[in-house]
Each structure stands twice: as C-alpha cells, then as structure tokens.
C-alpha cells in the first residue's frame, strides 16, 4: 500500500492589496459645487473601502480651481508625486 504524506502549509500567504487613491475637483467654491465635491469624496471613499483587494491610499481634492492645467492643481500634483514615490499602486 502506498504511503501518503500530507504537508501542512506554514501559513497563509499575505494578500498584497493594491493601494488605491482618488482625485476629485470642482471648479468653483459655490455651495452647489462644494456639495458636489463632498458627494465625489464620499463616493470614492465608499468604493475603495468596499473592495477587499484595495487599500485606501488617500483622497486628493482641489476646490475652486480650473481644470485647464494640471500645474495649477496642487492636490493633483501631490497625488502624481505620491504615485511616482510608490505610495499609490502595487506593493
């Protein structure tokens, strides 16, 4: 009769989560636009938090800033820098 040897796993492999961030923007600081900004922020926080494969890496937002040039949007530039520095994305 053959001998069967069962090898037990040492431990569960750590699941590497993708670090996910979001960027939101409104072009004016009117009450209506600020409500839109809060809605955007809430949506992205909920969406990222609901995915078990994602780790929340931050929420970046600019309010009352035109979207014509990325250089005029400080939060967007911070997010890009954080991506380049490995704070957002794959581990």
PDB file of N, CA and C in Angstrom:
ATOM      1  N   UNK A   1       0.854  -1.185   0.000  1.00  0.00           N
ATOM      2  CA  UNK A   1       0.000   0.000   0.000  1.00  0.00           C
ATOM      3  C   UNK A   1       0.896   1.242   0.000  1.00  0.00           C
ATOM      4  N   UNK A   2       0.583   2.251  -0.853  1.00  0.00           N
ATOM      5  CA  UNK A   2       1.420   3.452  -0.920  1.00  0.00           C
ATOM      6  C   UNK A   2       1.288   4.290   0.348  1.00  0.00           C
ATOM      7  N   UNK A   3       2.364   4.971   0.664  1.00  0.00           N
ATOM      8  CA  UNK A   3       2.387   5.875   1.818  1.00  0.00           C
ATOM      9  C   UNK A   3       2.096   7.291   1.330  1.00  0.00           C
ATOM     10  N   UNK A   4       1.148   7.920   1.978  1.00  0.00           N
ATOM     11  CA  UNK A   4       0.793   9.297   1.619  1.00  0.00           C
ATOM     12  C   UNK A   4       1.255  10.208   2.747  1.00  0.00           C
ATOM     13  N   UNK A   5       2.008  11.231   2.387  1.00  0.00           N
ATOM     14  CA  UNK A   5       2.485  12.202   3.367  1.00  0.00           C
ATOM     15  C   UNK A   5       1.801  13.531   3.100  1.00  0.00           C
ATOM     16  N   UNK A   6       1.090  13.994   4.102  1.00  0.00           N
ATOM     17  CA  UNK A   6       0.395  15.268   3.954  1.00  0.00           C
ATOM     18  C   UNK A   6       1.298  16.373   4.491  1.00  0.00           C
ATOM     19  N   UNK A   7       1.512  17.393   3.678  1.00  0.00           N
ATOM     20  CA  UNK A   7       2.351  18.524   4.081  1.00  0.00           C
ATOM     21  C   UNK A   7       1.437  19.690   4.399  1.00  0.00           C
ATOM     22  N   UNK A   8       1.466  20.140   5.629  1.00  0.00           N
ATOM     23  CA  UNK A   8       0.633  21.253   6.072  1.00  0.00           C
ATOM     24  C   UNK A   8       1.268  22.582   5.661  1.00  0.00           C
ATOM     25  N   UNK A   9       0.455  23.528   5.243  1.00  0.00           N
ATOM     26  CA  UNK A   9       1.009  24.849   4.889  1.00  0.00           C
ATOM     27  C   UNK A   9       1.550  25.562   6.124  1.00  0.00           C
ATOM     28  N   UNK A  10       2.597  26.318   5.932  1.00  0.00           N
ATOM     29  CA  UNK A  10       3.215  27.055   7.025  1.00  0.00           C
ATOM     30  C   UNK A  10       2.295  28.169   7.511  1.00  0.00           C
ATOM     31  N   UNK A  11       1.659  28.826   6.630  1.00  0.00           N
ATOM     32  CA  UNK A  11       0.750  29.924   6.966  1.00  0.00           C
ATOM     33  C   UNK A  11       0.143  30.461   5.688  1.00  0.00           C
ATOM     34  N   UNK A  12      -0.870  31.236   5.850  1.00  0.00           N
ATOM     35  CA  UNK A  12      -1.498  31.810   4.673  1.00  0.00           C
ATOM     36  C   UNK A  12      -0.581  32.860   4.067  1.00  0.00           C
ATOM     37  N   UNK A  13      -0.499  32.835   2.773  1.00  0.00           N
ATOM     38  CA  UNK A  13       0.295  33.853   2.080  1.00  0.00           C
ATOM     39  C   UNK A  13      -0.405  35.201   2.236  1.00  0.00           C
ATOM     40  N   UNK A  14       0.357  36.182   2.548  1.00  0.00           N
ATOM     41  CA  UNK A  14      -0.207  37.527   2.713  1.00  0.00           C
ATOM     42  C   UNK A  14      -0.711  38.033   1.363  1.00  0.00           C
ATOM     43  N   UNK A  15      -1.940  38.484   1.370  1.00  0.00           N
ATOM     44  CA  UNK A  15      -2.515  39.034   0.156  1.00  0.00           C
ATOM     45  C   UNK A  15      -2.040  40.473   0.019  1.00  0.00           C
ATOM     46  N   UNK A  16      -1.400  40.760  -1.081  1.00  0.00           N
ATOM     47  CA  UNK A  16      -0.924  42.114  -1.307  1.00  0.00           C
ATOM     48  C   UNK A  16      -2.029  42.930  -1.938  1.00  0.00           C
ATOM     49  N   UNK A  17      -2.467  43.920  -1.218  1.00  0.00           N
ATOM     50  CA  UNK A  17      -3.536  44.765  -1.713  1.00  0.00           C
ATOM     51  C   UNK A  17      -2.960  45.903  -2.546  1.00  0.00           C
ATOM     52  N   UNK A  18      -3.731  46.302  -3.536  1.00  0.00           N
ATOM     53  CA  UNK A  18      -3.335  47.445  -4.352  1.00  0.00           C
ATOM     54  C   UNK A  18      -3.712  48.714  -3.592  1.00  0.00           C
ATOM     55  N   UNK A  19      -2.778  49.637  -3.468  1.00  0.00           N
ATOM     56  CA  UNK A  19      -3.056  50.916  -2.802  1.00  0.00           C
ATOM     57  C   UNK A  19      -3.720  51.843  -3.807  1.00  0.00           C
ATOM     58  N   UNK A  20      -4.958  52.230  -3.479  1.00  0.00           N
ATOM     59  CA  UNK A  20      -5.782  52.998  -4.404  1.00  0.00           C
ATOM     60  C   UNK A  20      -6.122  54.359  -3.798  1.00  0.00           C
ATOM     61  N   UNK A  21      -5.991  55.386  -4.612  1.00  0.00           N
ATOM     62  CA  UNK A  21      -6.335  56.749  -4.200  1.00  0.00           C
ATOM     63  C   UNK A  21      -7.329  57.317  -5.206  1.00  0.00           C
ATOM     64  N   UNK A  22      -7.933  58.436  -4.844  1.00  0.00           N
ATOM     65  CA  UNK A  22      -8.878  59.095  -5.748  1.00  0.00           C
ATOM     66  C   UNK A  22      -8.581  60.583  -5.781  1.00  0.00           C
ATOM     67  N   UNK A  23      -8.947  61.194  -6.891  1.00  0.00           N
ATOM     68  CA  UNK A  23      -8.801  62.637  -7.052  1.00  0.00           C
ATOM     69  C   UNK A  23     -10.149  63.215  -7.432  1.00  0.00           C
ATOM     70  N   UNK A  24     -10.537  64.287  -6.746  1.00  0.00           N
ATOM     71  CA  UNK A  24     -11.798  64.982  -7.007  1.00  0.00           C
ATOM     72  C   UNK A  24     -11.498  66.464  -7.210  1.00  0.00           C
ATOM     73  N   UNK A  25     -12.378  67.127  -7.988  1.00  0.00           N
ATOM     74  CA  UNK A  25     -12.176  68.544  -8.231  1.00  0.00           C
ATOM     75  C   UNK A  25     -13.497  69.205  -8.578  1.00  0.00           C
ATOM     76  N   UNK A  26     -13.651  70.424  -8.107  1.00  0.00           N
ATOM     77  CA  UNK A  26     -14.736  71.294  -8.570  1.00  0.00           C
ATOM     78  C   UNK A  26     -14.094  72.617  -8.961  1.00  0.00           C
ATOM     79  N   UNK A  27     -14.698  73.284  -9.929  1.00  0.00           N
ATOM     80  CA  UNK A  27     -14.061  74.471 -10.479  1.00  0.00           C
ATOM     81  C   UNK A  27     -14.408  75.766  -9.753  1.00  0.00           C
ATOM     82  N   UNK A  28     -15.453  75.749  -8.937  1.00  0.00           N
ATOM     83  CA  UNK A  28     -15.787  76.953  -8.173  1.00  0.00           C
ATOM     84  C   UNK A  28     -16.006  76.561  -6.723  1.00  0.00           C
ATOM     85  N   UNK A  29     -16.074  77.559  -5.859  1.00  0.00           N
ATOM     86  CA  UNK A  29     -16.335  77.250  -4.451  1.00  0.00           C
ATOM     87  C   UNK A  29     -17.761  77.628  -4.050  1.00  0.00           C
ATOM     88  N   UNK A  30     -18.679  77.560  -5.027  1.00  0.00           N
ATOM     89  CA  UNK A  30     -20.086  77.831  -4.731  1.00  0.00           C
ATOM     90  C   UNK A  30     -20.641  76.685  -3.878  1.00  0.00           C
ATOM     91  N   UNK A  31     -21.721  76.969  -3.167  1.00  0.00           N
ATOM     92  CA  UNK A  31     -22.322  75.946  -2.304  1.00  0.00           C
ATOM     93  C   UNK A  31     -22.695  74.694  -3.090  1.00  0.00           C
ATOM     94  N   UNK A  32     -23.220  74.871  -4.289  1.00  0.00           N
ATOM     95  CA  UNK A  32     -23.629  73.741  -5.115  1.00  0.00           C
ATOM     96  C   UNK A  32     -22.420  72.889  -5.505  1.00  0.00           C
ATOM     97  N   UNK A  33     -21.352  73.540  -5.866  1.00  0.00           N
ATOM     98  CA  UNK A  33     -20.135  72.822  -6.253  1.00  0.00           C
ATOM     99  C   UNK A  33     -19.517  72.110  -5.044  1.00  0.00           C
ATOM    100  N   UNK A  34     -19.546  72.764  -3.882  1.00  0.00           N
ATOM    101  CA  UNK A  34     -18.974  72.138  -2.692  1.00  0.00           C
ATOM    102  C   UNK A  34     -19.762  70.898  -2.295  1.00  0.00           C
ATOM    103  N   UNK A  35     -21.074  70.922  -2.494  1.00  0.00           N
ATOM    104  CA  UNK A  35     -21.884  69.730  -2.250  1.00  0.00           C
ATOM    105  C   UNK A  35     -21.471  68.622  -3.222  1.00  0.00           C
ATOM    106  N   UNK A  36     -21.213  68.990  -4.465  1.00  0.00           N
ATOM    107  CA  UNK A  36     -20.744  68.026  -5.458  1.00  0.00           C
ATOM    108  C   UNK A  36     -19.405  67.424  -5.033  1.00  0.00           C
ATOM    109  N   UNK A  37     -18.524  68.254  -4.511  1.00  0.00           N
ATOM    110  CA  UNK A  37     -17.220  67.769  -4.059  1.00  0.00           C
ATOM    111  C   UNK A  37     -17.389  66.758  -2.928  1.00  0.00           C
ATOM    112  N   UNK A  38     -18.246  67.065  -1.961  1.00  0.00           N
ATOM    113  CA  UNK A  38     -18.480  66.141  -0.853  1.00  0.00           C
ATOM    114  C   UNK A  38     -19.068  64.828  -1.350  1.00  0.00           C
ATOM    115  N   UNK A  39     -19.941  64.910  -2.341  1.00  0.00           N
ATOM    116  CA  UNK A  39     -20.531  63.705  -2.927  1.00  0.00           C
ATOM    117  C   UNK A  39     -19.460  62.866  -3.620  1.00  0.00           C
ATOM    118  N   UNK A  40     -18.581  63.523  -4.362  1.00  0.00           N
ATOM    119  CA  UNK A  40     -17.484  62.807  -5.032  1.00  0.00           C
ATOM    120  C   UNK A  40     -16.591  62.114  -4.005  1.00  0.00           C
ATOM    121  N   UNK A  41     -16.195  62.849  -2.979  1.00  0.00           N
ATOM    122  CA  UNK A  41     -15.302  62.295  -1.953  1.00  0.00           C
ATOM    123  C   UNK A  41     -15.938  61.078  -1.279  1.00  0.00           C
ATOM    124  N   UNK A  42     -17.197  61.203  -0.908  1.00  0.00           N
ATOM    125  CA  UNK A  42     -17.904  60.108  -0.248  1.00  0.00           C
ATOM    126  C   UNK A  42     -17.985  58.887  -1.159  1.00  0.00           C
ATOM    127  N   UNK A  43     -18.286  59.121  -2.422  1.00  0.00           N
ATOM    128  CA  UNK A  43     -18.391  58.022  -3.385  1.00  0.00           C
ATOM    129  C   UNK A  43     -17.069  57.258  -3.487  1.00  0.00           C
ATOM    130  N   UNK A  44     -15.979  57.974  -3.654  1.00  0.00           N
ATOM    131  CA  UNK A  44     -14.691  57.301  -3.818  1.00  0.00           C
ATOM    132  C   UNK A  44     -14.245  56.596  -2.546  1.00  0.00           C
ATOM    133  N   UNK A  45     -14.459  57.203  -1.390  1.00  0.00           N
ATOM    134  CA  UNK A  45     -14.102  56.544  -0.132  1.00  0.00           C
ATOM    135  C   UNK A  45     -14.892  55.249   0.036  1.00  0.00           C
ATOM    136  N   UNK A  46     -16.194  55.289  -0.257  1.00  0.00           N
ATOM    137  CA  UNK A  46     -17.031  54.095  -0.145  1.00  0.00           C
ATOM    138  C   UNK A  46     -16.612  53.024  -1.149  1.00  0.00           C
ATOM    139  N   UNK A  47     -16.343  53.434  -2.386  1.00  0.00           N
ATOM    140  CA  UNK A  47     -15.973  52.481  -3.437  1.00  0.00           C
ATOM    141  C   UNK A  47     -14.652  51.797  -3.124  1.00  0.00           C
ATOM    142  N   UNK A  48     -13.673  52.569  -2.720  1.00  0.00           N
ATOM    143  CA  UNK A  48     -12.359  51.991  -2.403  1.00  0.00           C
ATOM    144  C   UNK A  48     -12.456  51.115  -1.165  1.00  0.00           C
ATOM    145  N   UNK A  49     -13.161  51.596  -0.146  1.00  0.00           N
ATOM    146  CA  UNK A  49     -13.292  50.836   1.095  1.00  0.00           C
ATOM    147  C   UNK A  49     -14.058  49.531   0.931  1.00  0.00           C
ATOM    148  N   UNK A  50     -14.926  49.449  -0.063  1.00  0.00           N
ATOM    149  CA  UNK A  50     -15.741  48.252  -0.265  1.00  0.00           C
ATOM    150  C   UNK A  50     -15.007  47.130  -1.001  1.00  0.00           C
ATOM    151  N   UNK A  51     -13.879  47.434  -1.582  1.00  0.00           N
ATOM    152  CA  UNK A  51     -13.147  46.416  -2.343  1.00  0.00           C
ATOM    153  C   UNK A  51     -12.096  45.773  -1.439  1.00  0.00           C
ATOM    154  N   UNK A  52     -12.236  44.497  -1.129  1.00  0.00           N
ATOM    155  CA  UNK A  52     -11.293  43.842  -0.219  1.00  0.00           C
ATOM    156  C   UNK A  52      -9.878  43.697  -0.789  1.00  0.00           C
ATOM    157  N   UNK A  53      -9.729  43.914  -2.080  1.00  0.00           N
ATOM    158  CA  UNK A  53      -8.404  43.800  -2.702  1.00  0.00           C
ATOM    159  C   UNK A  53      -7.672  45.134  -2.732  1.00  0.00           C
ATOM    160  N   UNK A  54      -8.327  46.190  -2.230  1.00  0.00           N
ATOM    161  CA  UNK A  54      -7.742  47.529  -2.254  1.00  0.00           C
ATOM    162  C   UNK A  54      -7.475  48.035  -0.850  1.00  0.00           C
ATOM    163  N   UNK A  55      -6.428  48.824  -0.742  1.00  0.00           N
ATOM    164  CA  UNK A  55      -6.097  49.543   0.489  1.00  0.00           C
ATOM    165  C   UNK A  55      -6.233  51.038   0.187  1.00  0.00           C
ATOM    166  N   UNK A  56      -6.952  51.755   1.022  1.00  0.00           N
ATOM    167  CA  UNK A  56      -7.170  53.186   0.810  1.00  0.00           C
ATOM    168  C   UNK A  56      -5.848  53.931   0.976  1.00  0.00           C
ATOM    169  N   UNK A  57      -5.410  54.617  -0.084  1.00  0.00           N
ATOM    170  CA  UNK A  57      -4.120  55.306  -0.067  1.00  0.00           C
ATOM    171  C   UNK A  57      -4.271  56.820  -0.024  1.00  0.00           C
ATOM    172  N   UNK A  58      -5.502  57.303   0.030  1.00  0.00           N
ATOM    173  CA  UNK A  58      -5.685  58.746   0.155  1.00  0.00           C
ATOM    174  C   UNK A  58      -6.738  59.296  -0.767  1.00  0.00           C
ATOM    175  N   UNK A  59      -7.174  60.465  -0.411  1.00  0.00           N
ATOM    176  CA  UNK A  59      -8.155  61.189  -1.203  1.00  0.00           C
ATOM    177  C   UNK A  59      -7.585  62.577  -1.442  1.00  0.00           C
ATOM    178  N   UNK A  60      -7.433  62.923  -2.671  1.00  0.00           N
ATOM    179  CA  UNK A  60      -6.849  64.198  -3.068  1.00  0.00           C
ATOM    180  C   UNK A  60      -7.946  65.023  -3.727  1.00  0.00           C
ATOM    181  N   UNK A  61      -8.030  66.293  -3.367  1.00  0.00           N
ATOM    182  CA  UNK A  61      -9.072  67.122  -3.986  1.00  0.00           C
ATOM    183  C   UNK A  61      -8.669  68.583  -4.022  1.00  0.00           C
ATOM    184  N   UNK A  62      -9.127  69.221  -5.079  1.00  0.00           N
ATOM    185  CA  UNK A  62      -8.942  70.662  -5.253  1.00  0.00           C
ATOM    186  C   UNK A  62     -10.322  71.276  -5.393  1.00  0.00           C
ATOM    187  N   UNK A  63     -10.541  72.395  -4.735  1.00  0.00           N
ATOM    188  CA  UNK A  63     -11.824  73.074  -4.878  1.00  0.00           C
ATOM    189  C   UNK A  63     -11.606  74.495  -5.354  1.00  0.00           C
ATOM    190  N   UNK A  64     -12.487  74.921  -6.248  1.00  0.00           N
ATOM    191  CA  UNK A  64     -12.410  76.275  -6.786  1.00  0.00           C
ATOM    192  C   UNK A  64     -11.231  76.501  -7.694  1.00  0.00           C
ATOM    193  N   UNK A  65     -10.772  75.430  -8.358  1.00  0.00           N
ATOM    194  CA  UNK A  65      -9.595  75.540  -9.222  1.00  0.00           C
ATOM    195  C   UNK A  65      -9.961  75.047 -10.618  1.00  0.00           C
ATOM    196  N   UNK A  66      -9.597  75.815 -11.613  1.00  0.00           N
ATOM    197  CA  UNK A  66      -9.854  75.446 -13.003  1.00  0.00           C
ATOM    198  C   UNK A  66      -9.106  74.162 -13.348  1.00  0.00           C
ATOM    199  N   UNK A  67      -9.673  73.392 -14.243  1.00  0.00           N
ATOM    200  CA  UNK A  67      -9.052  72.139 -14.636  1.00  0.00           C
ATOM    201  C   UNK A  67      -8.240  72.222 -15.904  1.00  0.00           C
ATOM    202  N   UNK A  68      -7.941  73.423 -16.369  1.00  0.00           N
ATOM    203  CA  UNK A  68      -7.268  73.557 -17.662  1.00  0.00           C
ATOM    204  C   UNK A  68      -5.799  73.137 -17.635  1.00  0.00           C
ATOM    205  N   UNK A  69      -5.126  73.301 -16.501  1.00  0.00           N
ATOM    206  CA  UNK A  69      -3.708  72.933 -16.414  1.00  0.00           C
ATOM    207  C   UNK A  69      -3.455  72.173 -15.125  1.00  0.00           C
ATOM    208  N   UNK A  70      -2.783  71.042 -15.223  1.00  0.00           N
ATOM    209  CA  UNK A  70      -2.523  70.243 -14.025  1.00  0.00           C
ATOM    210  C   UNK A  70      -1.610  70.977 -13.044  1.00  0.00           C
ATOM    211  N   UNK A  71      -0.756  71.835 -13.543  1.00  0.00           N
ATOM    212  CA  UNK A  71       0.188  72.542 -12.675  1.00  0.00           C
ATOM    213  C   UNK A  71      -0.510  73.508 -11.710  1.00  0.00           C
ATOM    214  N   UNK A  72      -1.731  73.886 -12.018  1.00  0.00           N
ATOM    215  CA  UNK A  72      -2.464  74.800 -11.132  1.00  0.00           C
ATOM    216  C   UNK A  72      -3.320  74.050 -10.109  1.00  0.00           C
ATOM    217  N   UNK A  73      -3.209  72.721 -10.099  1.00  0.00           N
ATOM    218  CA  UNK A  73      -3.991  71.899  -9.172  1.00  0.00           C
ATOM    219  C   UNK A  73      -3.049  71.207  -8.192  1.00  0.00           C
ATOM    220  N   UNK A  74      -2.826  71.804  -7.013  1.00  0.00           N
ATOM    221  CA  UNK A  74      -1.841  71.274  -6.072  1.00  0.00           C
ATOM    222  C   UNK A  74      -2.134  69.849  -5.587  1.00  0.00           C
ATOM    223  N   UNK A  75      -3.389  69.504  -5.344  1.00  0.00           N
ATOM    224  CA  UNK A  75      -3.690  68.153  -4.864  1.00  0.00           C
ATOM    225  C   UNK A  75      -3.400  67.113  -5.940  1.00  0.00           C
ATOM    226  N   UNK A  76      -3.698  67.442  -7.185  1.00  0.00           N
ATOM    227  CA  UNK A  76      -3.389  66.527  -8.282  1.00  0.00           C
ATOM    228  C   UNK A  76      -1.881  66.321  -8.387  1.00  0.00           C
ATOM    229  N   UNK A  77      -1.135  67.381  -8.254  1.00  0.00           N
ATOM    230  CA  UNK A  77       0.322  67.267  -8.336  1.00  0.00           C
ATOM    231  C   UNK A  77       0.879  66.429  -7.178  1.00  0.00           C
ATOM    232  N   UNK A  78       0.295  66.581  -5.971  1.00  0.00           N
ATOM    233  CA  UNK A  78       0.709  65.753  -4.823  1.00  0.00           C
ATOM    234  C   UNK A  78       0.413  64.281  -5.097  1.00  0.00           C
ATOM    235  N   UNK A  79      -0.756  64.012  -5.684  1.00  0.00           N
ATOM    236  CA  UNK A  79      -1.115  62.631  -5.977  1.00  0.00           C
ATOM    237  C   UNK A  79      -0.152  62.029  -7.004  1.00  0.00           C
ATOM    238  N   UNK A  80       0.192  62.786  -8.025  1.00  0.00           N
ATOM    239  CA  UNK A  80       1.139  62.299  -9.029  1.00  0.00           C
ATOM    240  C   UNK A  80       2.491  62.000  -8.378  1.00  0.00           C
ATOM    241  N   UNK A  81       2.938  62.895  -7.527  1.00  0.00           N
ATOM    242  CA  UNK A  81       4.213  62.678  -6.819  1.00  0.00           C
ATOM    243  C   UNK A  81       4.139  61.432  -5.942  1.00  0.00           C
ATOM    244  N   UNK A  82       3.021  61.253  -5.239  1.00  0.00           N
ATOM    245  CA  UNK A  82       2.857  60.062  -4.400  1.00  0.00           C
ATOM    246  C   UNK A  82       2.860  58.784  -5.236  1.00  0.00           C
ATOM    247  N   UNK A  83       2.281  58.833  -6.434  1.00  0.00           N
ATOM    248  CA  UNK A  83       2.349  57.681  -7.342  1.00  0.00           C
ATOM    249  C   UNK A  83       3.790  57.391  -7.733  1.00  0.00           C
ATOM    250  N   UNK A  84       4.510  58.418  -8.109  1.00  0.00           N
ATOM    251  CA  UNK A  84       5.905  58.252  -8.511  1.00  0.00           C
ATOM    252  C   UNK A  84       6.775  57.732  -7.369  1.00  0.00           C
ATOM    253  N   UNK A  85       6.413  58.070  -6.140  1.00  0.00           N
ATOM    254  CA  UNK A  85       7.175  57.632  -4.958  1.00  0.00           C
ATOM    255  C   UNK A  85       6.693  56.289  -4.413  1.00  0.00           C
ATOM    256  N   UNK A  86       5.764  55.639  -5.098  1.00  0.00           N
ATOM    257  CA  UNK A  86       5.317  54.319  -4.704  1.00  0.00           C
ATOM    258  C   UNK A  86       4.283  54.280  -3.572  1.00  0.00           C
ATOM    259  N   UNK A  87       3.711  55.399  -3.228  1.00  0.00           N
ATOM    260  CA  UNK A  87       2.712  55.417  -2.157  1.00  0.00           C
ATOM    261  C   UNK A  87       1.334  54.974  -2.647  1.00  0.00           C
ATOM    262  N   UNK A  88       1.148  54.968  -3.953  1.00  0.00           N
ATOM    263  CA  UNK A  88      -0.108  54.566  -4.577  1.00  0.00           C
ATOM    264  C   UNK A  88       0.230  53.537  -5.640  1.00  0.00           C
ATOM    265  N   UNK A  89      -0.577  52.510  -5.733  1.00  0.00           N
ATOM    266  CA  UNK A  89      -0.358  51.474  -6.763  1.00  0.00           C
ATOM    267  C   UNK A  89      -0.018  50.139  -6.140  1.00  0.00           C
ATOM    268  N   UNK A  90       0.655  49.311  -6.903  1.00  0.00           N
ATOM    269  CA  UNK A  90       1.011  47.973  -6.435  1.00  0.00           C
ATOM    270  C   UNK A  90       2.097  48.050  -5.384  1.00  0.00           C
ATOM    271  N   UNK A  91       2.080  47.079  -4.511  1.00  0.00           N
ATOM    272  CA  UNK A  91       3.137  46.968  -3.489  1.00  0.00           C
ATOM    273  C   UNK A  91       4.300  46.207  -4.028  1.00  0.00           C
TER     274      UNK A  91
END
